[in-house]
Protein backbone atom coordinates (compact mmCIF):
# COMPACT_ATOMS: atom_id res chain seq x y z
CA GLU A 1 -32.94 3.10 -9.31
CA ALA A 2 -31.55 1.15 -7.01
CA PHE A 3 -33.58 -1.92 -4.62
CA LEU A 4 -32.83 -1.34 -1.26
CA SER A 5 -33.45 -5.18 -0.55
CA SER A 6 -32.34 -5.01 3.35
CA ASN A 7 -32.47 -1.04 4.18
CA PRO A 8 -31.47 -0.52 7.70
CA ILE A 9 -33.09 3.23 7.85
CA HIS A 10 -36.69 3.91 6.44
CA VAL A 11 -35.80 5.86 2.91
CA ASN A 12 -39.26 7.59 1.51
CA PRO A 13 -40.33 8.36 -2.40
CA ASN A 14 -37.76 11.22 -3.60
CA MET A 15 -35.60 11.57 -0.52
CA VAL A 16 -31.68 12.26 -1.98
CA VAL A 17 -30.03 8.81 -0.96
CA ILE A 18 -26.01 8.52 -0.87
CA LEU A 19 -25.11 5.18 -2.25
CA LYS A 20 -21.68 4.08 -1.85
CA ILE A 21 -20.80 0.76 -4.55
CA ASN A 22 -18.35 -1.62 -3.49
CA ASP A 23 -16.90 -2.72 -7.02
CA TYR A 24 -13.61 -4.07 -6.31
CA TRP A 25 -12.32 -5.99 -3.58
CA ALA A 26 -9.18 -7.69 -2.99
CA ASP A 27 -8.61 -10.27 -0.02
CA SER A 28 -5.21 -8.93 0.49
CA ALA A 29 -3.96 -5.60 0.10
CA ILE A 30 -1.28 -2.75 0.90
CA VAL A 31 -3.46 0.18 1.20
CA ILE A 32 -1.36 3.45 2.27
CA PRO A 33 -2.31 7.82 2.67
CA ILE A 34 -2.44 8.88 -0.90
CA ASN A 35 -0.66 12.17 0.24
CA VAL A 36 2.78 10.02 1.44
CA VAL A 37 3.18 9.28 -2.39
CA GLN A 38 5.97 11.44 -3.60
CA LYS A 39 6.59 11.18 -7.99
CA ASP A 40 10.10 11.38 -9.45
CA GLU A 41 9.79 11.69 -12.75
CA ASN A 42 7.36 9.43 -14.11
CA LEU A 43 8.00 6.91 -11.50
CA ASN A 44 6.08 7.17 -7.46
CA TYR A 45 7.87 6.57 -4.20
CA VAL A 46 7.38 7.00 -0.05
CA PHE A 47 9.58 6.97 2.58
CA ILE A 48 10.42 3.57 4.12
CA ALA A 49 12.28 3.66 7.78
CA LYS A 50 15.08 0.93 8.12
CA MET A 51 17.39 0.22 10.54
CA GLU A 52 21.34 -0.14 9.65
CA ASN A 53 23.84 -0.12 11.82
CA GLY A 54 21.47 0.86 15.13
CA LYS A 55 20.04 3.85 13.60
CA TRP A 56 16.53 4.77 11.31
CA ILE A 57 18.28 5.74 8.14
CA SER A 58 15.39 7.01 5.34
CA LYS A 59 15.22 4.80 2.66
CA LYS A 60 13.49 6.05 -0.85
CA GLN A 61 11.18 2.78 -2.11
CA MET A 62 9.34 2.90 -5.22
CA ILE A 63 6.35 1.98 -5.95
CA ARG A 64 3.53 0.79 -8.30
CA LEU A 65 -0.04 2.36 -7.79
CA GLY A 66 -3.52 0.53 -8.02
CA LEU A 67 -7.13 1.78 -7.38
CA TYR A 68 -8.05 4.81 -5.36
CA SER A 69 -10.24 5.60 -3.06
CA GLY A 70 -11.07 8.82 -1.11
CA ASN A 71 -8.06 9.62 0.20
CA ASN A 72 -6.71 6.24 -0.05
CA VAL A 73 -4.41 4.42 -2.81
CA GLN A 74 -3.59 0.42 -3.06
CA VAL A 75 0.28 -0.49 -3.98
CA ILE A 76 0.41 -3.14 -6.13
CA ASP A 77 4.04 -3.33 -6.10
CA GLY A 78 7.22 -1.80 -3.79
CA LEU A 79 5.47 -2.30 -0.57
CA ALA A 80 5.90 -5.26 1.67
CA GLU A 81 4.13 -5.85 5.16
CA GLN A 82 6.60 -5.59 8.00
CA ASP A 83 8.20 -2.19 6.17
CA GLU A 84 7.83 1.20 8.59
CA LEU A 85 6.31 3.72 6.36
CA ILE A 86 7.08 7.44 6.95
CA SER A 87 3.96 9.72 7.01
CA THR A 88 4.89 12.49 8.65
CA GLY A 89 8.11 14.62 7.49
CA PHE A 90 8.51 12.71 4.60
CA GLN A 91 8.63 15.72 2.63
CA ASP A 92 12.08 17.20 3.97
CA LEU A 93 13.45 12.98 3.60
CA VAL A 94 16.97 12.63 1.42
CA ASP A 95 17.40 9.20 0.62
CA GLY A 96 19.63 7.51 3.53
CA MET A 97 19.51 10.43 5.90
CA GLU A 98 18.89 9.60 9.95
CA ILE A 99 15.96 10.04 11.88
CA SER A 100 13.99 9.31 14.68
CA VAL A 101 11.15 7.12 14.79
CA GLU A 102 8.14 7.31 17.17
CA LYS A 103 5.52 4.50 16.82
CA ASN A 104 1.53 5.67 16.57
């Protein structure tokens, strides 16, 4: 049973309603798509793009994951806001590989 005091849409008795309940909030968090996270033994990692000697290089970055929400996951440790996450073609990368970068 849920009491909806400020309801933007009209809900009648015996209607089926889907609710999303926000049970966690972080003022500052890094959230990434779960499909870019890969596993190496028992550790999670992603690939980021780094500029080295005028060339873009792929770097394997170990991360620690937090809570999931839908298709996204919070990164607790291992990524910084300025890191360039590789989200396309990451399955074929190895650490230190030269890459071409197209930013969206």
